[in-house]
Amino acid sequence: MIRVLIADDQPLVRRGLALILAPDPEFEVVGEAEDGSQAVALAHELRPDVVVMDIRMPVLDGVQATGELARTLPGTRVLALSTFDMDEYVVAALRAGAYGFLPKDISPEELGAAVRIVHGGEAAVAPRLLTRLLSTYVRTPARARPAAAAVPPELTPRELEIWQLLATGLDNAEIALELDISVSTVKNHITGIFGKLGVRDRAQAVIAAYESGLVEAGGTRG
């Protein structure tokens, strides 16, 4: 059973999310929090597997709460929620350690699927939504886009190529088709890329690509 804590400053939203998850025997809603500070305190008390976290809350916002949980309870994974799909706070939450993001107008099926994905340690963010967010809110450093200075030298040419394609929103099957290699080979390369970049998941790898200048706003490849 996946233990879930729900954090949102709107009581109706909290109850709605709890009612969506509660009937599924795979989930147990262990608590509800009305702000980020309460979310952190309850997470330490209840030790949920996943916190469904609104990113705009009073007292302590969801971004700060996510960063605190990433530092102090790394086994508890955060799934960020926002009223808007294009929200600069989403990028901040992913940087802070959130494993995924959903807009609040998602379906019950999408919510359940995202909680399962995050619980499994994967990033629950649609690749093209993530690249749209980053191209809007992440600014490439004001310098010539290098390939060498900002990119870890231990990346192989093939890993660099796959990182660029991943960062422009392609999924594993699309990368495999683009490079005429197998999906399993793509997965193996991506695992190596994560290790060399020091990132945890696909979302953080895409953020790193934009911040390094490897990919610019609009999805331009380096």
N, C-alpha and C. Protein backbone atom coordinates (compact mmCIF):
# COMPACT_ATOMS: atom_id res chain seq x y z
N MET A 1 0.83 -1.19 0.00
CA MET A 1 0.00 0.00 0.00
C MET A 1 0.87 1.25 0.00
N ILE A 2 0.50 2.24 -0.79
CA ILE A 2 1.24 3.49 -0.89
C ILE A 2 0.61 4.50 0.06
N ARG A 3 1.39 4.95 1.03
CA ARG A 3 0.91 5.90 2.04
C ARG A 3 1.06 7.32 1.48
N VAL A 4 -0.03 8.09 1.48
CA VAL A 4 -0.05 9.40 0.84
C VAL A 4 -0.46 10.48 1.83
N LEU A 5 0.29 11.58 1.83
CA LEU A 5 -0.06 12.79 2.58
C LEU A 5 -0.45 13.85 1.56
N ILE A 6 -1.55 14.56 1.79
CA ILE A 6 -2.03 15.58 0.87
C ILE A 6 -1.85 16.95 1.52
N ALA A 7 -1.21 17.88 0.80
CA ALA A 7 -0.97 19.23 1.32
C ALA A 7 -1.53 20.25 0.34
N ASP A 8 -2.53 21.00 0.80
CA ASP A 8 -3.13 22.06 -0.02
C ASP A 8 -3.85 23.01 0.93
N ASP A 9 -3.78 24.32 0.66
CA ASP A 9 -4.40 25.28 1.57
C ASP A 9 -5.91 25.40 1.37
N GLN A 10 -6.45 24.75 0.35
CA GLN A 10 -7.89 24.79 0.12
C GLN A 10 -8.53 23.48 0.61
N PRO A 11 -9.38 23.56 1.64
CA PRO A 11 -9.98 22.34 2.20
C PRO A 11 -10.71 21.50 1.16
N LEU A 12 -11.41 22.16 0.25
CA LEU A 12 -12.18 21.42 -0.75
C LEU A 12 -11.25 20.62 -1.66
N VAL A 13 -10.11 21.20 -2.02
CA VAL A 13 -9.14 20.49 -2.86
C VAL A 13 -8.56 19.29 -2.11
N ARG A 14 -8.21 19.52 -0.85
CA ARG A 14 -7.65 18.42 -0.05
C ARG A 14 -8.62 17.25 0.02
N ARG A 15 -9.86 17.56 0.35
CA ARG A 15 -10.84 16.48 0.48
C ARG A 15 -11.09 15.81 -0.86
N GLY A 16 -11.12 16.61 -1.93
CA GLY A 16 -11.34 16.03 -3.25
C GLY A 16 -10.24 15.06 -3.63
N LEU A 17 -8.99 15.44 -3.38
CA LEU A 17 -7.88 14.56 -3.70
C LEU A 17 -7.92 13.29 -2.86
N ALA A 18 -8.27 13.46 -1.57
CA ALA A 18 -8.36 12.30 -0.69
C ALA A 18 -9.47 11.35 -1.15
N LEU A 19 -10.59 11.90 -1.57
CA LEU A 19 -11.71 11.07 -2.02
C LEU A 19 -11.40 10.35 -3.32
N ILE A 20 -10.55 10.96 -4.15
CA ILE A 20 -10.14 10.30 -5.38
C ILE A 20 -9.28 9.08 -5.08
N LEU A 21 -8.34 9.23 -4.13
CA LEU A 21 -7.37 8.17 -3.87
C LEU A 21 -7.91 7.09 -2.92
N ALA A 22 -8.75 7.50 -1.97
CA ALA A 22 -9.15 6.59 -0.89
C ALA A 22 -9.81 5.29 -1.36
N PRO A 23 -10.68 5.30 -2.38
CA PRO A 23 -11.33 4.04 -2.76
C PRO A 23 -10.39 2.99 -3.34
N ASP A 24 -9.23 3.41 -3.80
CA ASP A 24 -8.28 2.47 -4.40
C ASP A 24 -7.51 1.76 -3.29
N PRO A 25 -7.60 0.44 -3.20
CA PRO A 25 -6.92 -0.28 -2.11
C PRO A 25 -5.41 -0.16 -2.15
N GLU A 26 -4.87 0.35 -3.27
CA GLU A 26 -3.42 0.53 -3.36
C GLU A 26 -2.94 1.74 -2.57
N PHE A 27 -3.87 2.66 -2.23
CA PHE A 27 -3.49 3.89 -1.56
C PHE A 27 -4.08 3.97 -0.15
N GLU A 28 -3.33 4.59 0.75
CA GLU A 28 -3.84 4.94 2.07
C GLU A 28 -3.52 6.42 2.30
N VAL A 29 -4.55 7.25 2.41
CA VAL A 29 -4.34 8.67 2.70
C VAL A 29 -4.16 8.80 4.21
N VAL A 30 -2.93 9.10 4.63
CA VAL A 30 -2.60 9.07 6.05
C VAL A 30 -2.76 10.42 6.73
N GLY A 31 -2.90 11.51 5.96
CA GLY A 31 -3.05 12.81 6.58
C GLY A 31 -3.26 13.90 5.56
N GLU A 32 -3.66 15.07 6.07
CA GLU A 32 -3.86 16.25 5.24
C GLU A 32 -3.23 17.45 5.93
N ALA A 33 -2.58 18.32 5.15
CA ALA A 33 -1.93 19.51 5.68
C ALA A 33 -2.42 20.73 4.93
N GLU A 34 -2.53 21.88 5.65
CA GLU A 34 -3.08 23.08 5.04
C GLU A 34 -2.01 24.10 4.65
N ASP A 35 -0.76 23.82 4.96
CA ASP A 35 0.34 24.68 4.52
C ASP A 35 1.62 23.86 4.50
N GLY A 36 2.70 24.47 3.97
CA GLY A 36 3.94 23.74 3.82
C GLY A 36 4.58 23.34 5.13
N SER A 37 4.47 24.22 6.13
CA SER A 37 5.06 23.91 7.43
C SER A 37 4.38 22.71 8.06
N GLN A 38 3.07 22.68 7.99
CA GLN A 38 2.33 21.53 8.52
C GLN A 38 2.64 20.27 7.72
N ALA A 39 2.84 20.41 6.42
CA ALA A 39 3.17 19.26 5.58
C ALA A 39 4.49 18.63 6.01
N VAL A 40 5.48 19.47 6.29
CA VAL A 40 6.78 18.95 6.73
C VAL A 40 6.64 18.25 8.07
N ALA A 41 5.92 18.89 9.01
CA ALA A 41 5.75 18.30 10.34
C ALA A 41 5.02 16.97 10.27
N LEU A 42 3.94 16.92 9.50
CA LEU A 42 3.17 15.68 9.38
C LEU A 42 3.96 14.59 8.66
N ALA A 43 4.76 14.99 7.67
CA ALA A 43 5.57 14.00 6.97
C ALA A 43 6.56 13.34 7.92
N HIS A 44 7.15 14.13 8.81
CA HIS A 44 8.08 13.55 9.79
C HIS A 44 7.34 12.65 10.79
N GLU A 45 6.11 13.01 11.11
CA GLU A 45 5.34 12.22 12.06
C GLU A 45 4.78 10.94 11.43
N LEU A 46 4.26 11.05 10.20
CA LEU A 46 3.52 9.95 9.59
C LEU A 46 4.33 9.12 8.60
N ARG A 47 5.47 9.67 8.14
CA ARG A 47 6.36 9.00 7.18
C ARG A 47 5.61 8.45 5.96
N PRO A 48 4.92 9.31 5.21
CA PRO A 48 4.24 8.84 4.00
C PRO A 48 5.24 8.47 2.92
N ASP A 49 4.81 7.68 1.97
CA ASP A 49 5.64 7.36 0.81
C ASP A 49 5.65 8.53 -0.18
N VAL A 50 4.50 9.17 -0.34
CA VAL A 50 4.34 10.26 -1.31
C VAL A 50 3.59 11.41 -0.66
N VAL A 51 4.06 12.64 -0.90
CA VAL A 51 3.32 13.84 -0.51
C VAL A 51 2.82 14.51 -1.78
N VAL A 52 1.49 14.65 -1.90
CA VAL A 52 0.90 15.40 -3.00
C VAL A 52 0.84 16.85 -2.53
N MET A 53 1.69 17.71 -3.10
CA MET A 53 2.00 19.02 -2.53
C MET A 53 1.61 20.17 -3.46
N ASP A 54 0.65 20.99 -3.01
CA ASP A 54 0.38 22.23 -3.72
C ASP A 54 1.61 23.12 -3.59
N ILE A 55 2.04 23.77 -4.68
CA ILE A 55 3.28 24.54 -4.60
C ILE A 55 3.08 25.99 -4.18
N ARG A 56 1.82 26.44 -4.14
CA ARG A 56 1.55 27.81 -3.68
C ARG A 56 0.68 27.74 -2.43
N MET A 57 1.33 27.84 -1.26
CA MET A 57 0.62 27.76 0.02
C MET A 57 1.17 28.82 0.97
N PRO A 58 0.39 29.18 1.99
CA PRO A 58 0.88 30.15 2.98
C PRO A 58 1.85 29.52 3.98
N VAL A 59 2.39 30.36 4.85
CA VAL A 59 3.31 30.00 5.93
C VAL A 59 4.65 29.51 5.36
N LEU A 60 4.62 28.37 4.73
CA LEU A 60 5.79 27.83 4.02
C LEU A 60 5.27 27.29 2.70
N ASP A 61 5.77 27.83 1.58
CA ASP A 61 5.19 27.38 0.30
C ASP A 61 5.66 25.97 -0.05
N GLY A 62 5.03 25.41 -1.08
CA GLY A 62 5.33 24.04 -1.44
C GLY A 62 6.73 23.82 -1.94
N VAL A 63 7.34 24.84 -2.53
CA VAL A 63 8.73 24.71 -3.01
C VAL A 63 9.67 24.55 -1.82
N GLN A 64 9.51 25.43 -0.83
CA GLN A 64 10.37 25.35 0.36
C GLN A 64 10.13 24.05 1.12
N ALA A 65 8.86 23.66 1.23
CA ALA A 65 8.55 22.42 1.92
C ALA A 65 9.15 21.22 1.20
N THR A 66 9.12 21.25 -0.13
CA THR A 66 9.71 20.17 -0.92
C THR A 66 11.21 20.08 -0.67
N GLY A 67 11.89 21.23 -0.67
CA GLY A 67 13.33 21.23 -0.40
C GLY A 67 13.66 20.69 0.98
N GLU A 68 12.84 21.05 1.96
CA GLU A 68 13.06 20.56 3.32
C GLU A 68 12.87 19.05 3.39
N LEU A 69 11.85 18.53 2.74
CA LEU A 69 11.62 17.08 2.75
C LEU A 69 12.71 16.34 1.98
N ALA A 70 13.18 16.91 0.88
CA ALA A 70 14.25 16.27 0.11
C ALA A 70 15.52 16.15 0.95
N ARG A 71 15.75 17.14 1.80
CA ARG A 71 16.95 17.09 2.66
C ARG A 71 16.79 16.16 3.85
N THR A 72 15.61 16.16 4.45
CA THR A 72 15.45 15.47 5.73
C THR A 72 14.73 14.14 5.66
N LEU A 73 13.91 13.94 4.62
CA LEU A 73 13.19 12.66 4.45
C LEU A 73 13.31 12.21 3.00
N PRO A 74 14.49 11.84 2.56
CA PRO A 74 14.69 11.48 1.15
C PRO A 74 13.84 10.30 0.69
N GLY A 75 13.37 9.48 1.62
CA GLY A 75 12.52 8.36 1.25
C GLY A 75 11.08 8.75 0.95
N THR A 76 10.71 9.97 1.32
CA THR A 76 9.38 10.50 1.02
C THR A 76 9.45 11.31 -0.26
N ARG A 77 8.64 10.96 -1.23
CA ARG A 77 8.73 11.61 -2.55
C ARG A 77 7.58 12.58 -2.74
N VAL A 78 7.90 13.72 -3.35
CA VAL A 78 6.92 14.78 -3.52
C VAL A 78 6.40 14.81 -4.95
N LEU A 79 5.07 14.87 -5.06
CA LEU A 79 4.40 15.11 -6.34
C LEU A 79 3.77 16.50 -6.25
N ALA A 80 4.30 17.45 -7.02
CA ALA A 80 3.85 18.84 -6.95
C ALA A 80 2.57 19.05 -7.74
N LEU A 81 1.71 19.93 -7.23
CA LEU A 81 0.47 20.30 -7.90
C LEU A 81 0.42 21.81 -8.08
N SER A 82 -0.14 22.24 -9.20
CA SER A 82 -0.33 23.67 -9.43
C SER A 82 -1.65 23.89 -10.15
N THR A 83 -2.25 25.05 -9.91
CA THR A 83 -3.48 25.41 -10.62
C THR A 83 -3.20 25.59 -12.11
N PHE A 84 -1.97 26.01 -12.43
CA PHE A 84 -1.62 26.32 -13.82
C PHE A 84 -0.56 25.35 -14.32
N ASP A 85 -0.67 24.94 -15.60
CA ASP A 85 0.35 24.04 -16.13
C ASP A 85 1.65 24.80 -16.44
N MET A 86 1.55 26.10 -16.73
CA MET A 86 2.76 26.90 -16.97
C MET A 86 3.00 27.78 -15.74
N ASP A 87 3.85 27.35 -14.86
CA ASP A 87 4.05 28.00 -13.57
C ASP A 87 5.54 27.92 -13.21
N GLU A 88 6.18 29.08 -13.02
CA GLU A 88 7.60 29.07 -12.71
C GLU A 88 7.91 28.35 -11.40
N TYR A 89 6.92 28.28 -10.50
CA TYR A 89 7.13 27.58 -9.24
C TYR A 89 7.34 26.08 -9.48
N VAL A 90 6.80 25.57 -10.57
CA VAL A 90 6.97 24.15 -10.88
C VAL A 90 8.44 23.83 -11.10
N VAL A 91 9.13 24.67 -11.88
CA VAL A 91 10.56 24.45 -12.12
C VAL A 91 11.32 24.51 -10.79
N ALA A 92 10.95 25.48 -9.94
CA ALA A 92 11.61 25.59 -8.64
C ALA A 92 11.37 24.35 -7.79
N ALA A 93 10.14 23.80 -7.85
CA ALA A 93 9.84 22.59 -7.07
C ALA A 93 10.63 21.40 -7.57
N LEU A 94 10.78 21.27 -8.90
CA LEU A 94 11.57 20.16 -9.45
C LEU A 94 13.03 20.32 -9.07
N ARG A 95 13.54 21.55 -9.10
CA ARG A 95 14.92 21.78 -8.65
C ARG A 95 15.08 21.41 -7.18
N ALA A 96 14.04 21.72 -6.39
CA ALA A 96 14.11 21.48 -4.94
C ALA A 96 14.03 20.00 -4.60
N GLY A 97 13.57 19.17 -5.55
CA GLY A 97 13.55 17.74 -5.29
C GLY A 97 12.25 17.03 -5.55
N ALA A 98 11.24 17.75 -6.08
CA ALA A 98 9.98 17.07 -6.42
C ALA A 98 10.22 16.04 -7.52
N TYR A 99 9.53 14.92 -7.41
CA TYR A 99 9.68 13.85 -8.39
C TYR A 99 8.75 14.01 -9.58
N GLY A 100 7.77 14.91 -9.46
CA GLY A 100 6.85 15.06 -10.57
C GLY A 100 5.96 16.27 -10.37
N PHE A 101 5.15 16.55 -11.38
CA PHE A 101 4.25 17.69 -11.36
C PHE A 101 2.98 17.36 -12.11
N LEU A 102 1.85 17.83 -11.57
CA LEU A 102 0.57 17.71 -12.25
C LEU A 102 -0.21 19.01 -12.10
N PRO A 103 -0.89 19.47 -13.15
CA PRO A 103 -1.86 20.55 -12.98
C PRO A 103 -3.09 20.01 -12.27
N LYS A 104 -3.82 20.88 -11.59
CA LYS A 104 -4.95 20.43 -10.77
C LYS A 104 -6.16 19.98 -11.57
N ASP A 105 -6.16 20.21 -12.87
CA ASP A 105 -7.31 19.78 -13.66
C ASP A 105 -7.14 18.38 -14.25
N ILE A 106 -6.21 17.60 -13.68
CA ILE A 106 -5.99 16.23 -14.16
C ILE A 106 -7.17 15.33 -13.77
N SER A 107 -7.25 14.20 -14.42
CA SER A 107 -8.31 13.24 -14.13
C SER A 107 -7.92 12.37 -12.93
N PRO A 108 -8.89 11.73 -12.29
CA PRO A 108 -8.57 10.81 -11.20
C PRO A 108 -7.58 9.73 -11.62
N GLU A 109 -7.72 9.23 -12.84
CA GLU A 109 -6.81 8.17 -13.32
C GLU A 109 -5.39 8.71 -13.44
N GLU A 110 -5.25 9.94 -13.92
CA GLU A 110 -3.91 10.53 -14.05
C GLU A 110 -3.27 10.77 -12.69
N LEU A 111 -4.07 11.18 -11.70
CA LEU A 111 -3.54 11.37 -10.35
C LEU A 111 -3.01 10.06 -9.79
N GLY A 112 -3.82 9.01 -9.87
CA GLY A 112 -3.39 7.72 -9.35
C GLY A 112 -2.15 7.21 -10.05
N ALA A 113 -2.10 7.35 -11.37
CA ALA A 113 -0.93 6.89 -12.13
C ALA A 113 0.32 7.67 -11.73
N ALA A 114 0.18 8.99 -11.53
CA ALA A 114 1.35 9.80 -11.17
C ALA A 114 1.86 9.44 -9.78
N VAL A 115 0.97 9.17 -8.84
CA VAL A 115 1.40 8.77 -7.50
C VAL A 115 2.17 7.45 -7.57
N ARG A 116 1.69 6.52 -8.37
CA ARG A 116 2.39 5.24 -8.53
C ARG A 116 3.78 5.44 -9.15
N ILE A 117 3.86 6.30 -10.18
CA ILE A 117 5.14 6.54 -10.85
C ILE A 117 6.14 7.15 -9.90
N VAL A 118 5.70 8.17 -9.15
CA VAL A 118 6.59 8.84 -8.20
C VAL A 118 7.01 7.87 -7.09
N HIS A 119 6.09 7.07 -6.61
CA HIS A 119 6.43 6.08 -5.58
C HIS A 119 7.48 5.10 -6.09
N GLY A 120 7.45 4.81 -7.38
CA GLY A 120 8.43 3.92 -7.97
C GLY A 120 9.78 4.56 -8.24
N GLY A 121 9.90 5.85 -7.97
CA GLY A 121 11.18 6.53 -8.14
C GLY A 121 11.41 7.17 -9.48
N GLU A 122 10.35 7.22 -10.32
CA GLU A 122 10.48 7.84 -11.63
C GLU A 122 9.89 9.25 -11.61
N ALA A 123 10.25 10.04 -12.62
CA ALA A 123 9.72 11.39 -12.74
C ALA A 123 8.37 11.38 -13.43
N ALA A 124 7.37 11.98 -12.78
CA ALA A 124 6.03 12.04 -13.36
C ALA A 124 5.80 13.44 -13.93
N VAL A 125 6.43 13.68 -15.07
CA VAL A 125 6.22 14.94 -15.79
C VAL A 125 6.21 14.61 -17.27
N ALA A 126 5.19 15.06 -17.96
CA ALA A 126 5.15 14.82 -19.41
C ALA A 126 6.34 15.53 -20.05
N PRO A 127 7.15 14.82 -20.85
CA PRO A 127 8.38 15.42 -21.38
C PRO A 127 8.16 16.74 -22.10
N ARG A 128 7.12 16.83 -22.92
CA ARG A 128 6.94 18.07 -23.68
C ARG A 128 6.45 19.21 -22.80
N LEU A 129 5.67 18.89 -21.75
CA LEU A 129 5.27 19.93 -20.81
C LEU A 129 6.50 20.44 -20.07
N LEU A 130 7.40 19.53 -19.71
CA LEU A 130 8.61 19.96 -19.00
C LEU A 130 9.46 20.86 -19.88
N THR A 131 9.64 20.53 -21.14
CA THR A 131 10.46 21.37 -22.00
C THR A 131 9.80 22.73 -22.23
N ARG A 132 8.46 22.76 -22.29
CA ARG A 132 7.77 24.06 -22.41
C ARG A 132 8.01 24.91 -21.17
N LEU A 133 7.93 24.30 -20.00
CA LEU A 133 8.18 25.02 -18.76
C LEU A 133 9.58 25.59 -18.73
N LEU A 134 10.55 24.75 -19.08
CA LEU A 134 11.94 25.18 -18.98
C LEU A 134 12.28 26.24 -20.01
N SER A 135 11.75 26.10 -21.21
CA SER A 135 12.05 27.09 -22.24
C SER A 135 11.45 28.44 -21.88
N THR A 136 10.42 28.42 -21.03
CA THR A 136 9.78 29.67 -20.60
C THR A 136 10.47 30.28 -19.39
N TYR A 137 10.86 29.44 -18.42
CA TYR A 137 11.29 29.97 -17.13
C TYR A 137 12.77 29.78 -16.80
N VAL A 138 13.49 28.96 -17.55
CA VAL A 138 14.91 28.77 -17.27
C VAL A 138 15.71 29.58 -18.29
N ARG A 139 16.60 30.40 -17.80
CA ARG A 139 17.40 31.23 -18.68
C ARG A 139 18.77 30.60 -18.90
N THR A 140 19.13 30.42 -20.17
CA THR A 140 20.45 29.88 -20.50
C THR A 140 21.51 30.90 -20.07
N PRO A 141 22.62 30.45 -19.49
CA PRO A 141 23.66 31.38 -19.09
C PRO A 141 24.10 32.27 -20.25
N ALA A 142 24.40 33.53 -19.93
CA ALA A 142 24.77 34.49 -20.98
C ALA A 142 26.25 34.30 -21.32
N ARG A 143 26.50 33.30 -22.12
CA ARG A 143 27.86 33.04 -22.61
C ARG A 143 27.72 32.21 -23.87
N ALA A 144 28.80 32.08 -24.58
CA ALA A 144 28.73 31.25 -25.78
C ALA A 144 28.40 29.84 -25.38
N ARG A 145 27.49 29.22 -26.08
CA ARG A 145 27.06 27.89 -25.72
C ARG A 145 28.11 26.89 -26.12
N PRO A 146 28.77 26.33 -25.32
CA PRO A 146 29.93 25.55 -25.54
C PRO A 146 29.63 24.17 -25.68
N ALA A 147 30.26 23.50 -26.03
CA ALA A 147 29.87 22.21 -25.66
C ALA A 147 30.77 21.78 -24.60
N ALA A 148 31.92 22.27 -24.41
CA ALA A 148 32.81 21.64 -23.47
C ALA A 148 32.72 22.18 -22.07
N ALA A 149 32.66 23.50 -21.90
CA ALA A 149 32.79 24.06 -20.58
C ALA A 149 31.67 23.65 -19.64
N ALA A 150 30.44 23.58 -20.13
CA ALA A 150 29.32 23.34 -19.24
C ALA A 150 28.92 21.88 -19.18
N VAL A 151 29.51 21.05 -19.96
CA VAL A 151 29.11 19.65 -20.06
C VAL A 151 30.18 18.78 -19.40
N PRO A 152 29.77 17.87 -18.50
CA PRO A 152 30.76 16.99 -17.87
C PRO A 152 31.62 16.27 -18.90
N PRO A 153 32.92 16.36 -18.80
CA PRO A 153 33.79 15.79 -19.83
C PRO A 153 33.71 14.28 -19.92
N GLU A 154 33.21 13.64 -18.86
CA GLU A 154 33.14 12.17 -18.90
C GLU A 154 31.98 11.66 -19.76
N LEU A 155 31.06 12.52 -20.18
CA LEU A 155 30.00 12.08 -21.08
C LEU A 155 30.59 11.68 -22.43
N THR A 156 30.18 10.54 -22.94
CA THR A 156 30.62 10.12 -24.26
C THR A 156 29.84 10.89 -25.33
N PRO A 157 30.33 10.93 -26.57
CA PRO A 157 29.57 11.61 -27.63
C PRO A 157 28.15 11.08 -27.78
N ARG A 158 27.96 9.77 -27.64
CA ARG A 158 26.62 9.20 -27.75
C ARG A 158 25.74 9.65 -26.58
N GLU A 159 26.30 9.67 -25.37
CA GLU A 159 25.53 10.12 -24.21
C GLU A 159 25.14 11.59 -24.36
N LEU A 160 26.05 12.39 -24.87
CA LEU A 160 25.76 13.80 -25.10
C LEU A 160 24.60 13.96 -26.09
N GLU A 161 24.64 13.16 -27.14
CA GLU A 161 23.59 13.21 -28.15
C GLU A 161 22.23 12.83 -27.56
N ILE A 162 22.22 11.77 -26.75
CA ILE A 162 20.98 11.32 -26.13
C ILE A 162 20.47 12.34 -25.12
N TRP A 163 21.38 12.96 -24.36
CA TRP A 163 20.99 13.99 -23.40
C TRP A 163 20.30 15.16 -24.12
N GLN A 164 20.85 15.56 -25.26
CA GLN A 164 20.25 16.65 -26.03
C GLN A 164 18.85 16.28 -26.51
N LEU A 165 18.69 15.06 -27.01
CA LEU A 165 17.39 14.63 -27.51
C LEU A 165 16.38 14.52 -26.36
N LEU A 166 16.81 13.98 -25.25
CA LEU A 166 15.96 13.89 -24.06
C LEU A 166 15.49 15.28 -23.64
N ALA A 167 16.40 16.25 -23.68
CA ALA A 167 16.09 17.60 -23.22
C ALA A 167 15.15 18.34 -24.15
N THR A 168 15.03 17.90 -25.40
CA THR A 168 14.10 18.56 -26.32
C THR A 168 12.72 17.92 -26.27
N GLY A 169 12.50 16.95 -25.35
CA GLY A 169 11.17 16.41 -25.12
C GLY A 169 10.90 15.05 -25.71
N LEU A 170 11.90 14.40 -26.31
CA LEU A 170 11.69 13.08 -26.89
C LEU A 170 11.66 12.03 -25.79
N ASP A 171 10.77 11.04 -25.94
CA ASP A 171 10.78 9.93 -25.01
C ASP A 171 11.76 8.87 -25.51
N ASN A 172 11.90 7.78 -24.75
CA ASN A 172 12.91 6.78 -25.09
C ASN A 172 12.69 6.17 -26.46
N ALA A 173 11.43 5.89 -26.80
CA ALA A 173 11.15 5.28 -28.10
C ALA A 173 11.50 6.24 -29.24
N GLU A 174 11.20 7.52 -29.04
CA GLU A 174 11.51 8.51 -30.07
C GLU A 174 13.02 8.71 -30.22
N ILE A 175 13.74 8.66 -29.12
CA ILE A 175 15.20 8.77 -29.18
C ILE A 175 15.77 7.56 -29.93
N ALA A 176 15.25 6.38 -29.61
CA ALA A 176 15.71 5.16 -30.28
C ALA A 176 15.49 5.24 -31.79
N LEU A 177 14.33 5.75 -32.19
CA LEU A 177 14.02 5.89 -33.61
C LEU A 177 14.94 6.91 -34.28
N GLU A 178 15.17 8.02 -33.59
CA GLU A 178 16.03 9.08 -34.13
C GLU A 178 17.45 8.58 -34.37
N LEU A 179 17.96 7.75 -33.45
CA LEU A 179 19.36 7.31 -33.52
C LEU A 179 19.51 5.91 -34.11
N ASP A 180 18.37 5.26 -34.43
CA ASP A 180 18.39 3.91 -34.99
C ASP A 180 19.09 2.93 -34.05
N ILE A 181 18.70 3.00 -32.78
CA ILE A 181 19.21 2.05 -31.78
C ILE A 181 18.01 1.51 -31.01
N SER A 182 18.22 0.51 -30.15
CA SER A 182 17.10 -0.09 -29.43
C SER A 182 16.71 0.77 -28.22
N VAL A 183 15.47 0.60 -27.78
CA VAL A 183 14.99 1.33 -26.60
C VAL A 183 15.80 0.93 -25.37
N SER A 184 16.15 -0.35 -25.26
CA SER A 184 16.93 -0.80 -24.10
C SER A 184 18.31 -0.14 -24.08
N THR A 185 18.89 0.08 -25.26
CA THR A 185 20.18 0.78 -25.33
C THR A 185 20.02 2.22 -24.87
N VAL A 186 18.93 2.86 -25.28
CA VAL A 186 18.66 4.23 -24.83
C VAL A 186 18.55 4.27 -23.31
N LYS A 187 17.81 3.32 -22.74
CA LYS A 187 17.64 3.28 -21.28
C LYS A 187 18.98 3.13 -20.58
N ASN A 188 19.84 2.27 -21.10
CA ASN A 188 21.15 2.07 -20.49
C ASN A 188 21.99 3.34 -20.54
N HIS A 189 21.95 4.03 -21.69
CA HIS A 189 22.68 5.28 -21.81
C HIS A 189 22.14 6.34 -20.84
N ILE A 190 20.82 6.40 -20.70
CA ILE A 190 20.23 7.41 -19.83
C ILE A 190 20.62 7.16 -18.37
N THR A 191 20.67 5.90 -17.98
CA THR A 191 21.13 5.58 -16.63
C THR A 191 22.55 6.11 -16.41
N GLY A 192 23.41 5.89 -17.40
CA GLY A 192 24.78 6.40 -17.31
C GLY A 192 24.84 7.92 -17.27
N ILE A 193 23.98 8.57 -18.06
CA ILE A 193 23.93 10.03 -18.09
C ILE A 193 23.53 10.57 -16.72
N PHE A 194 22.52 9.98 -16.10
CA PHE A 194 22.08 10.43 -14.78
C PHE A 194 23.23 10.36 -13.79
N GLY A 195 23.96 9.26 -13.81
CA GLY A 195 25.07 9.11 -12.87
C GLY A 195 26.15 10.14 -13.08
N LYS A 196 26.49 10.42 -14.33
CA LYS A 196 27.56 11.37 -14.63
C LYS A 196 27.15 12.81 -14.37
N LEU A 197 25.86 13.10 -14.55
CA LEU A 197 25.37 14.45 -14.28
C LEU A 197 25.09 14.67 -12.80
N GLY A 198 24.98 13.58 -12.05
CA GLY A 198 24.62 13.70 -10.64
C GLY A 198 23.17 14.10 -10.44
N VAL A 199 22.29 13.64 -11.35
CA VAL A 199 20.87 13.94 -11.23
C VAL A 199 20.11 12.67 -10.92
N ARG A 200 18.89 12.86 -10.43
CA ARG A 200 18.12 11.72 -9.94
C ARG A 200 17.18 11.15 -10.99
N ASP A 201 16.68 12.01 -11.89
CA ASP A 201 15.65 11.57 -12.81
C ASP A 201 15.66 12.41 -14.07
N ARG A 202 14.72 12.10 -14.95
CA ARG A 202 14.63 12.74 -16.26
C ARG A 202 14.39 14.25 -16.13
N ALA A 203 13.51 14.63 -15.20
CA ALA A 203 13.20 16.05 -15.03
C ALA A 203 14.46 16.84 -14.68
N GLN A 204 15.24 16.32 -13.74
CA GLN A 204 16.45 17.05 -13.35
C GLN A 204 17.49 17.05 -14.47
N ALA A 205 17.52 16.00 -15.28
CA ALA A 205 18.45 15.97 -16.42
C ALA A 205 18.09 17.04 -17.45
N VAL A 206 16.79 17.24 -17.66
CA VAL A 206 16.35 18.26 -18.61
C VAL A 206 16.67 19.65 -18.08
N ILE A 207 16.43 19.87 -16.79
CA ILE A 207 16.78 21.16 -16.18
C ILE A 207 18.27 21.42 -16.34
N ALA A 208 19.10 20.40 -16.09
CA ALA A 208 20.55 20.56 -16.22
C ALA A 208 20.95 20.92 -17.64
N ALA A 209 20.26 20.37 -18.63
CA ALA A 209 20.57 20.67 -20.03
C ALA A 209 20.31 22.14 -20.35
N TYR A 210 19.20 22.66 -19.84
CA TYR A 210 18.88 24.08 -20.08
C TYR A 210 19.84 24.98 -19.32
N GLU A 211 20.12 24.64 -18.07
CA GLU A 211 20.98 25.50 -17.26
C GLU A 211 22.42 25.49 -17.75
N SER A 212 22.85 24.40 -18.37
CA SER A 212 24.22 24.34 -18.88
C SER A 212 24.38 25.07 -20.20
N GLY A 213 23.25 25.35 -20.88
CA GLY A 213 23.34 25.95 -22.20
C GLY A 213 23.37 24.92 -23.31
N LEU A 214 23.29 23.63 -22.97
CA LEU A 214 23.29 22.58 -23.99
C LEU A 214 22.06 22.72 -24.88
N VAL A 215 20.94 23.09 -24.27
CA VAL A 215 19.70 23.34 -25.00
C VAL A 215 19.21 24.73 -24.64
N GLU A 216 18.76 25.47 -25.63
CA GLU A 216 18.25 26.82 -25.39
C GLU A 216 16.74 26.85 -25.49
N ALA A 217 16.15 27.95 -25.03
CA ALA A 217 14.72 28.14 -25.14
C ALA A 217 14.28 27.90 -26.58
N GLY A 218 13.20 27.14 -26.72
CA GLY A 218 12.73 26.80 -28.05
C GLY A 218 13.21 25.45 -28.49
N GLY A 219 14.07 24.79 -27.66
CA GLY A 219 14.49 23.43 -27.98
C GLY A 219 15.63 23.35 -28.96
N THR A 220 16.43 24.42 -29.10
CA THR A 220 17.55 24.40 -30.02
C THR A 220 18.64 23.48 -29.51
N ARG A 221 19.14 22.64 -30.35
CA ARG A 221 20.20 21.71 -29.91
C ARG A 221 21.54 22.37 -30.05
N GLY A 222 22.46 21.96 -29.12
CA GLY A 222 23.80 22.53 -29.15
C GLY A 222 24.66 21.87 -30.20
